[in-house]
C-alpha atoms as a PDB file:
ATOM      1  CA  MET A   1       0.000   0.000   0.000  1.00  0.00           C
ATOM      2  CA  ILE A   2       3.033   2.291   0.060  1.00  0.00           C
ATOM      3  CA  ILE A   3       2.845   2.801  -3.724  1.00  0.00           C
ATOM      4  CA  PRO A   4      -0.691   4.378  -3.705  1.00  0.00           C
ATOM      5  CA  LEU A   5       0.459   6.571  -0.807  1.00  0.00           C
ATOM      6  CA  ILE A   6       3.499   7.932  -2.666  1.00  0.00           C
ATOM      7  CA  ALA A   7       1.861   8.068  -6.096  1.00  0.00           C
ATOM      8  CA  GLY A   8      -1.222   9.812  -4.721  1.00  0.00           C
ATOM      9  CA  GLY A   9       0.885  12.406  -2.920  1.00  0.00           C
ATOM     10  CA  ILE A  10       2.980  13.183  -6.000  1.00  0.00           C
ATOM     11  CA  ALA A  11      -0.042  13.302  -8.327  1.00  0.00           C
ATOM     12  CA  GLY A  12      -2.094  15.498  -6.005  1.00  0.00           C
ATOM     13  CA  THR A  13       0.717  17.998  -5.454  1.00  0.00           C
ATOM     14  CA  THR A  14       1.563  18.196  -9.163  1.00  0.00           C
ATOM     15  CA  VAL A  15      -2.046  18.790 -10.224  1.00  0.00           C
ATOM     16  CA  ASP A  16      -2.685  21.401  -7.526  1.00  0.00           C
ATOM     17  CA  ILE A  17       0.445  23.398  -8.365  1.00  0.00           C
ATOM     18  CA  VAL A  18       0.016  23.277 -12.154  1.00  0.00           C
ATOM     19  CA  LEU A  19      -3.663  24.221 -12.046  1.00  0.00           C
ATOM     20  CA  PHE A  20      -3.433  26.635  -9.120  1.00  0.00           C
ATOM     21  CA  PRO A  21      -4.015  29.852 -11.146  1.00  0.00           C
ATOM     22  CA  LEU A  22      -7.281  28.387 -12.472  1.00  0.00           C
ATOM     23  CA  ASP A  23      -8.288  27.431  -8.920  1.00  0.00           C
ATOM     24  CA  THR A  24      -7.646  31.002  -7.767  1.00  0.00           C
ATOM     25  CA  ILE A  25      -9.796  32.413 -10.568  1.00  0.00           C
ATOM     26  CA  LYS A  26     -12.559  29.930  -9.738  1.00  0.00           C
ATOM     27  CA  THR A  27     -12.498  30.920  -6.049  1.00  0.00           C
ATOM     28  CA  ARG A  28     -12.731  34.620  -6.915  1.00  0.00           C
ATOM     29  CA  LEU A  29     -15.580  34.018  -9.347  1.00  0.00           C
ATOM     30  CA  GLN A  30     -17.458  32.105  -6.626  1.00  0.00           C
ATOM     31  CA  SER A  31     -16.782  34.719  -3.932  1.00  0.00           C
ATOM     32  CA  LYS A  32     -19.759  36.708  -2.667  1.00  0.00           C
ATOM     33  CA  ASP A  33     -17.700  39.907  -3.051  1.00  0.00           C
ATOM     34  CA  GLY A  34     -17.311  39.343  -6.771  1.00  0.00           C
ATOM     35  CA  PHE A  35     -14.391  38.604  -9.045  1.00  0.00           C
ATOM     36  CA  ARG A  36     -12.836  42.079  -9.222  1.00  0.00           C
ATOM     37  CA  ALA A  37     -13.165  42.858  -5.507  1.00  0.00           C
ATOM     38  CA  SER A  38     -11.569  39.510  -4.674  1.00  0.00           C
ATOM     39  CA  GLY A  39      -8.477  40.264  -6.750  1.00  0.00           C
ATOM     40  CA  GLY A  40      -9.450  39.677 -10.371  1.00  0.00           C
ATOM     41  CA  PHE A  41      -6.546  38.321 -12.404  1.00  0.00           C
ATOM     42  CA  ARG A  42      -3.941  39.787 -10.039  1.00  0.00           C
ATOM     43  CA  GLY A  43      -1.815  37.543  -7.858  1.00  0.00           C
ATOM     44  CA  VAL A  44      -3.207  34.252  -9.126  1.00  0.00           C
ATOM     45  CA  TYR A  45      -0.584  32.342  -7.130  1.00  0.00           C
ATOM     46  CA  ALA A  46      -1.734  33.841  -3.821  1.00  0.00           C
ATOM     47  CA  GLY A  47      -2.262  30.994  -1.364  1.00  0.00           C
ATOM     48  CA  ILE A  48      -0.098  28.461  -3.168  1.00  0.00           C
ATOM     49  CA  LEU A  49       1.991  27.645  -0.064  1.00  0.00           C
ATOM     50  CA  PRO A  50      -0.865  26.222   2.034  1.00  0.00           C
ATOM     51  CA  ALA A  51      -2.222  24.507  -1.077  1.00  0.00           C
ATOM     52  CA  ALA A  52       1.121  22.832  -1.787  1.00  0.00           C
ATOM     53  CA  ALA A  53       1.600  21.918   1.874  1.00  0.00           C
ATOM     54  CA  GLY A  54      -1.812  20.261   2.079  1.00  0.00           C
ATOM     55  CA  SER A  55      -1.841  18.559  -1.319  1.00  0.00           C
ATOM     56  CA  ALA A  56       0.572  15.689  -0.721  1.00  0.00           C
ATOM     57  CA  PRO A  57      -0.793  14.465   2.647  1.00  0.00           C
ATOM     58  CA  SER A  58      -4.455  14.809   1.667  1.00  0.00           C
ATOM     59  CA  ALA A  59      -4.045  13.211  -1.780  1.00  0.00           C
ATOM     60  CA  ALA A  60      -1.890  10.427  -0.354  1.00  0.00           C
ATOM     61  CA  THR A  61      -4.484   9.763   2.342  1.00  0.00           C
ATOM     62  CA  PHE A  62      -7.283   9.657  -0.213  1.00  0.00           C
ATOM     63  CA  PHE A  63      -5.624   7.176  -2.563  1.00  0.00           C
ATOM     64  CA  LEU A  64      -4.425   4.996   0.296  1.00  0.00           C
ATOM     65  CA  VAL A  65      -7.940   4.736   1.760  1.00  0.00           C
ATOM     66  CA  TYR A  66      -9.427   4.300  -1.743  1.00  0.00           C
ATOM     67  CA  GLU A  67      -7.167   1.348  -2.527  1.00  0.00           C
ATOM     68  CA  VAL A  68      -7.547  -0.228   0.924  1.00  0.00           C
ATOM     69  CA  VAL A  69     -11.346  -0.068   0.772  1.00  0.00           C
ATOM     70  CA  LYS A  70     -11.367  -1.498  -2.759  1.00  0.00           C
ATOM     71  CA  SER A  71      -9.138  -4.365  -1.602  1.00  0.00           C
ATOM     72  CA  LEU A  72     -11.311  -5.080   1.434  1.00  0.00           C
ATOM     73  CA  LEU A  73     -14.460  -5.122  -0.659  1.00  0.00           C
ATOM     74  CA  ALA A  74     -12.751  -7.439  -3.133  1.00  0.00           C
ATOM     75  CA  THR A  75     -12.131  -9.890  -0.301  1.00  0.00           C
ATOM     76  CA  TYR A  76     -15.815 -10.024   0.588  1.00  0.00           C
ATOM     77  CA  GLU A  77     -17.412  -9.416  -2.780  1.00  0.00           C
ATOM     78  CA  GLY A  78     -15.057 -11.281  -5.110  1.00  0.00           C
ATOM     79  CA  SER A  79     -15.934 -10.504  -8.701  1.00  0.00           C
ATOM     80  CA  THR A  80     -17.960  -7.396  -7.794  1.00  0.00           C
ATOM     81  CA  LEU A  81     -14.769  -5.367  -7.301  1.00  0.00           C
ATOM     82  CA  LYS A  82     -15.219  -3.696 -10.680  1.00  0.00           C
ATOM     83  CA  THR A  83     -18.800  -2.645 -10.082  1.00  0.00           C
ATOM     84  CA  PRO A  84     -19.590   1.093  -9.818  1.00  0.00           C
ATOM     85  CA  PHE A  85     -20.861   0.637  -6.251  1.00  0.00           C
ATOM     86  CA  VAL A  86     -17.439  -0.469  -5.026  1.00  0.00           C
ATOM     87  CA  HIS A  87     -15.705   2.527  -6.612  1.00  0.00           C
ATOM     88  CA  MET A  88     -18.362   4.905  -5.260  1.00  0.00           C
ATOM     89  CA  PHE A  89     -18.045   3.570  -1.718  1.00  0.00           C
ATOM     90  CA  ALA A  90     -14.244   3.506  -1.804  1.00  0.00           C
ATOM     91  CA  ALA A  91     -14.054   7.062  -3.179  1.00  0.00           C
ATOM     92  CA  SER A  92     -16.583   8.397  -0.665  1.00  0.00           C
ATOM     93  CA  THR A  93     -14.692   6.827   2.237  1.00  0.00           C
ATOM     94  CA  GLY A  94     -11.450   8.278   0.892  1.00  0.00           C
ATOM     95  CA  GLU A  95     -12.974  11.764   0.732  1.00  0.00           C
ATOM     96  CA  ILE A  96     -14.334  11.642   4.298  1.00  0.00           C
ATOM     97  CA  VAL A  97     -10.943  10.647   5.710  1.00  0.00           C
ATOM     98  CA  SER A  98      -8.661  12.755   3.499  1.00  0.00           C
ATOM     99  CA  ASN A  99     -10.640  15.945   4.105  1.00  0.00           C
ATOM    100  CA  LEU A 100      -9.778  15.746   7.788  1.00  0.00           C
ATOM    101  CA  VAL A 101      -6.289  16.576   6.533  1.00  0.00           C
ATOM    102  CA  ARG A 102      -7.247  18.863   3.659  1.00  0.00           C
ATOM    103  CA  VAL A 103      -9.863  21.285   5.010  1.00  0.00           C
ATOM    104  CA  PRO A 104      -7.622  23.477   7.241  1.00  0.00           C
ATOM    105  CA  PHE A 105      -5.314  24.014   4.259  1.00  0.00           C
ATOM    106  CA  GLU A 106      -8.314  24.659   1.988  1.00  0.00           C
ATOM    107  CA  VAL A 107      -9.743  27.292   4.357  1.00  0.00           C
ATOM    108  CA  THR A 108      -6.354  29.015   4.561  1.00  0.00           C
ATOM    109  CA  LYS A 109      -5.797  28.876   0.790  1.00  0.00           C
ATOM    110  CA  GLN A 110      -9.216  30.237  -0.185  1.00  0.00           C
ATOM    111  CA  ARG A 111      -9.107  33.172   2.233  1.00  0.00           C
ATOM    112  CA  ILE A 112      -5.753  34.228   0.819  1.00  0.00           C
ATOM    113  CA  GLN A 113      -6.984  33.726  -2.758  1.00  0.00           C
ATOM    114  CA  ALA A 114      -9.942  36.007  -2.051  1.00  0.00           C
ATOM    115  CA  LYS A 115      -7.594  38.682  -0.667  1.00  0.00           C
ATOM    116  CA  GLN A 116      -9.104  38.499   2.820  1.00  0.00           C
ATOM    117  CA  TYR A 117      -5.614  37.859   4.236  1.00  0.00           C
ATOM    118  CA  LEU A 118      -2.061  38.064   2.917  1.00  0.00           C
ATOM    119  CA  LYS A 119      -0.250  35.355   4.876  1.00  0.00           C
ATOM    120  CA  PRO A 120      -1.182  31.806   5.979  1.00  0.00           C
ATOM    121  CA  MET A 121      -0.448  32.467   9.656  1.00  0.00           C
ATOM    122  CA  GLU A 122      -2.824  35.450   9.623  1.00  0.00           C
ATOM    123  CA  VAL A 123      -5.627  33.119   8.568  1.00  0.00           C
ATOM    124  CA  VAL A 124      -4.711  30.517  11.178  1.00  0.00           C
ATOM    125  CA  LYS A 125      -4.469  33.044  14.022  1.00  0.00           C
ATOM    126  CA  SER A 126      -7.759  34.714  13.083  1.00  0.00           C
ATOM    127  CA  ALA A 127      -9.615  31.405  12.794  1.00  0.00           C
ATOM    128  CA  LEU A 128      -8.284  30.147  16.130  1.00  0.00           C
ATOM    129  CA  LEU A 129      -9.064  33.414  17.928  1.00  0.00           C
ATOM    130  CA  GLN A 130     -12.619  33.634  16.605  1.00  0.00           C
ATOM    131  CA  GLU A 131     -13.731  30.011  16.580  1.00  0.00           C
ATOM    132  CA  GLY A 132     -10.936  27.839  17.948  1.00  0.00           C
ATOM    133  CA  VAL A 133      -9.904  24.723  16.034  1.00  0.00           C
ATOM    134  CA  ARG A 134     -13.430  24.580  14.582  1.00  0.00           C
ATOM    135  CA  GLY A 135     -12.567  27.726  12.634  1.00  0.00           C
ATOM    136  CA  LEU A 136      -9.971  25.841  10.635  1.00  0.00           C
ATOM    137  CA  TYR A 137     -12.574  23.190   9.854  1.00  0.00           C
ATOM    138  CA  ARG A 138     -15.223  25.696   8.763  1.00  0.00           C
ATOM    139  CA  GLY A 139     -16.997  24.147   5.831  1.00  0.00           C
ATOM    140  CA  TYR A 140     -15.827  20.554   6.430  1.00  0.00           C
ATOM    141  CA  PHE A 141     -19.301  19.144   5.889  1.00  0.00           C
ATOM    142  CA  SER A 142     -19.903  21.408   2.902  1.00  0.00           C
ATOM    143  CA  VAL A 143     -16.689  19.987   1.402  1.00  0.00           C
ATOM    144  CA  ILE A 144     -17.984  16.469   2.041  1.00  0.00           C
ATOM    145  CA  TYR A 145     -21.360  17.350   0.489  1.00  0.00           C
ATOM    146  CA  ARG A 146     -19.461  18.454  -2.607  1.00  0.00           C
ATOM    147  CA  GLU A 147     -16.656  15.889  -2.731  1.00  0.00           C
ATOM    148  CA  ILE A 148     -18.732  12.743  -2.281  1.00  0.00           C
ATOM    149  CA  PRO A 149     -21.037  13.473  -5.263  1.00  0.00           C
ATOM    150  CA  PHE A 150     -17.941  14.500  -7.232  1.00  0.00           C
ATOM    151  CA  SER A 151     -16.192  11.218  -6.443  1.00  0.00           C
ATOM    152  CA  VAL A 152     -19.345   9.162  -6.976  1.00  0.00           C
ATOM    153  CA  VAL A 153     -19.438  10.520 -10.537  1.00  0.00           C
ATOM    154  CA  GLN A 154     -15.712  10.759 -11.256  1.00  0.00           C
ATOM    155  CA  TYR A 155     -14.169   7.489 -10.091  1.00  0.00           C
ATOM    156  CA  PRO A 156     -16.737   4.974 -11.395  1.00  0.00           C
ATOM    157  CA  LEU A 157     -16.759   6.850 -14.719  1.00  0.00           C
ATOM    158  CA  TRP A 158     -12.947   6.874 -14.809  1.00  0.00           C
ATOM    159  CA  GLU A 159     -12.781   3.137 -14.074  1.00  0.00           C
ATOM    160  CA  TYR A 160     -15.485   2.443 -16.681  1.00  0.00           C
ATOM    161  CA  LEU A 161     -13.720   4.452 -19.387  1.00  0.00           C
ATOM    162  CA  LYS A 162     -10.406   2.719 -18.683  1.00  0.00           C
ATOM    163  CA  GLN A 163     -12.001  -0.728 -18.735  1.00  0.00           C
ATOM    164  CA  SER A 164     -13.906   0.004 -21.950  1.00  0.00           C
ATOM    165  CA  TRP A 165     -10.791   1.367 -23.649  1.00  0.00           C
ATOM    166  CA  SER A 166      -8.756  -1.613 -22.447  1.00  0.00           C
ATOM    167  CA  ARG A 167     -11.300  -4.102 -23.820  1.00  0.00           C
ATOM    168  CA  SER A 168     -11.464  -2.332 -27.180  1.00  0.00           C
ATOM    169  CA  GLN A 169      -7.698  -2.620 -27.701  1.00  0.00           C
ATOM    170  CA  ASN A 170      -7.184  -5.965 -25.917  1.00  0.00           C
ATOM    171  CA  HIS A 171      -4.501  -4.684 -23.556  1.00  0.00           C
ATOM    172  CA  PRO A 172      -4.320  -2.396 -20.515  1.00  0.00           C
ATOM    173  CA  VAL A 173      -4.585   1.345 -21.090  1.00  0.00           C
ATOM    174  CA  MET A 174      -1.417   3.411 -21.358  1.00  0.00           C
ATOM    175  CA  PRO A 175      -0.774   6.250 -18.866  1.00  0.00           C
ATOM    176  CA  TRP A 176      -1.802   8.890 -21.417  1.00  0.00           C
ATOM    177  CA  GLN A 177      -5.057   7.022 -22.060  1.00  0.00           C
ATOM    178  CA  SER A 178      -5.755   6.860 -18.334  1.00  0.00           C
ATOM    179  CA  ALA A 179      -5.113  10.609 -18.156  1.00  0.00           C
ATOM    180  CA  ILE A 180      -7.619  11.310 -20.941  1.00  0.00           C
ATOM    181  CA  ALA A 181     -10.201   9.105 -19.221  1.00  0.00           C
ATOM    182  CA  GLY A 182      -9.522  10.940 -15.963  1.00  0.00           C
ATOM    183  CA  ALA A 183      -9.923  14.341 -17.609  1.00  0.00           C
ATOM    184  CA  LEU A 184     -13.288  13.359 -19.118  1.00  0.00           C
ATOM    185  CA  ALA A 185     -14.491  11.888 -15.831  1.00  0.00           C
ATOM    186  CA  GLY A 186     -13.268  14.858 -13.788  1.00  0.00           C
ATOM    187  CA  GLY A 187     -14.785  17.406 -16.162  1.00  0.00           C
ATOM    188  CA  THR A 188     -18.144  15.647 -16.036  1.00  0.00           C
ATOM    189  CA  ALA A 189     -18.058  15.496 -12.236  1.00  0.00           C
ATOM    190  CA  ALA A 190     -17.107  19.187 -11.990  1.00  0.00           C
ATOM    191  CA  LEU A 191     -19.993  20.193 -14.255  1.00  0.00           C
ATOM    192  CA  VAL A 192     -22.471  18.305 -12.081  1.00  0.00           C
ATOM    193  CA  THR A 193     -21.163  19.540  -8.711  1.00  0.00           C
ATOM    194  CA  THR A 194     -20.293  23.206  -9.384  1.00  0.00           C
ATOM    195  CA  PRO A 195     -23.339  24.564  -7.458  1.00  0.00           C
ATOM    196  CA  LEU A 196     -22.200  22.570  -4.410  1.00  0.00           C
ATOM    197  CA  ASP A 197     -18.693  23.981  -4.813  1.00  0.00           C
ATOM    198  CA  VAL A 198     -20.032  27.549  -4.874  1.00  0.00           C
ATOM    199  CA  ALA A 199     -21.837  26.967  -1.586  1.00  0.00           C
ATOM    200  CA  LYS A 200     -18.685  25.456  -0.065  1.00  0.00           C
ATOM    201  CA  THR A 201     -16.626  28.497  -1.079  1.00  0.00           C
ATOM    202  CA  ARG A 202     -19.180  30.946   0.335  1.00  0.00           C
ATOM    203  CA  ILE A 203     -19.165  29.137   3.698  1.00  0.00           C
ATOM    204  CA  MET A 204     -15.362  29.066   3.925  1.00  0.00           C
ATOM    205  CA  LEU A 205     -14.986  32.746   3.026  1.00  0.00           C
ATOM    206  CA  ALA A 206     -17.837  34.071   5.173  1.00  0.00           C
ATOM    207  CA  GLU A 207     -17.385  35.880   8.464  1.00  0.00           C
ATOM    208  CA  LYS A 208     -18.379  33.955  11.588  1.00  0.00           C
ATOM    209  CA  SER A 209     -21.526  36.060  12.045  1.00  0.00           C
ATOM    210  CA  SER A 210     -22.540  35.888   8.377  1.00  0.00           C
ATOM    211  CA  GLU A 211     -25.923  34.490   7.361  1.00  0.00           C
ATOM    212  CA  ASP A 212     -24.099  32.162   4.976  1.00  0.00           C
ATOM    213  CA  VAL A 213     -22.557  30.408   7.977  1.00  0.00           C
ATOM    214  CA  GLN A 214     -25.753  30.282  10.027  1.00  0.00           C
ATOM    215  CA  ARG A 215     -27.941  28.881   7.257  1.00  0.00           C
ATOM    216  CA  SER A 216     -28.283  25.213   6.457  1.00  0.00           C
ATOM    217  CA  TYR A 217     -26.470  24.004   3.341  1.00  0.00           C
ATOM    218  CA  MET A 218     -29.639  23.611   1.265  1.00  0.00           C
ATOM    219  CA  THR A 219     -30.986  26.966   2.447  1.00  0.00           C
ATOM    220  CA  LEU A 220     -27.749  28.611   1.318  1.00  0.00           C
ATOM    221  CA  LEU A 221     -28.010  26.979  -2.116  1.00  0.00           C
ATOM    222  CA  ARG A 222     -31.585  28.231  -2.496  1.00  0.00           C
ATOM    223  CA  SER A 223     -30.548  31.710  -1.352  1.00  0.00           C
ATOM    224  CA  ILE A 224     -27.711  31.865  -3.912  1.00  0.00           C
ATOM    225  CA  TYR A 225     -30.079  30.753  -6.664  1.00  0.00           C
ATOM    226  CA  LYS A 226     -32.716  33.290  -5.606  1.00  0.00           C
ATOM    227  CA  ARG A 227     -30.245  36.207  -5.439  1.00  0.00           C
ATOM    228  CA  GLU A 228     -28.003  35.394  -8.375  1.00  0.00           C
ATOM    229  CA  GLY A 229     -29.816  32.886 -10.562  1.00  0.00           C
ATOM    230  CA  ILE A 230     -28.314  29.817 -12.222  1.00  0.00           C
ATOM    231  CA  ARG A 231     -25.147  31.765 -13.131  1.00  0.00           C
END
């Protein structure tokens, strides 16, 4: 199980660093303050240090749990290992565990991206002073509400595309083929779960006394739709 741990950590860190400018733009677009007020196209690498620091441990944790759960289910279910249910359950379990590691880094990263703070320690000190350790885990359940549906779509679809491609060519997929399958699966999952991601961002960026924090998750989604529409 050491290979999924190392590979997951390297893959997660690489993806987060390469795509970080796009993640910053996405966060600012989703911010309640608006894109320009949150920094626009300026400083798109703001917050990259906490993102890089959290990527390897959270990604490694996810893939380790994902592979362990798949292996355990294979022991009890035999030939059902390749069914979508197994991949959904393994991915969901991986998200629940890995986000215990990821969320404090995600909170820190997004508040810097939105220009609420300039340095990681400013975010940490403010969160601890206002809410204690819970402040660093603000939005944990909103992340789970977003990540589980994302994984339920992404990983079974990724596995299905790889298996279908492998059968069509009568040999296992090459790394580049797996990457294409992953991109298609990830893009589909992102399209489906973007509204959930917007709500997650609003909760993480909101002040402690904000209505966005006090409302239930579904109430917040309805409020965003009512105020701003489908866009």
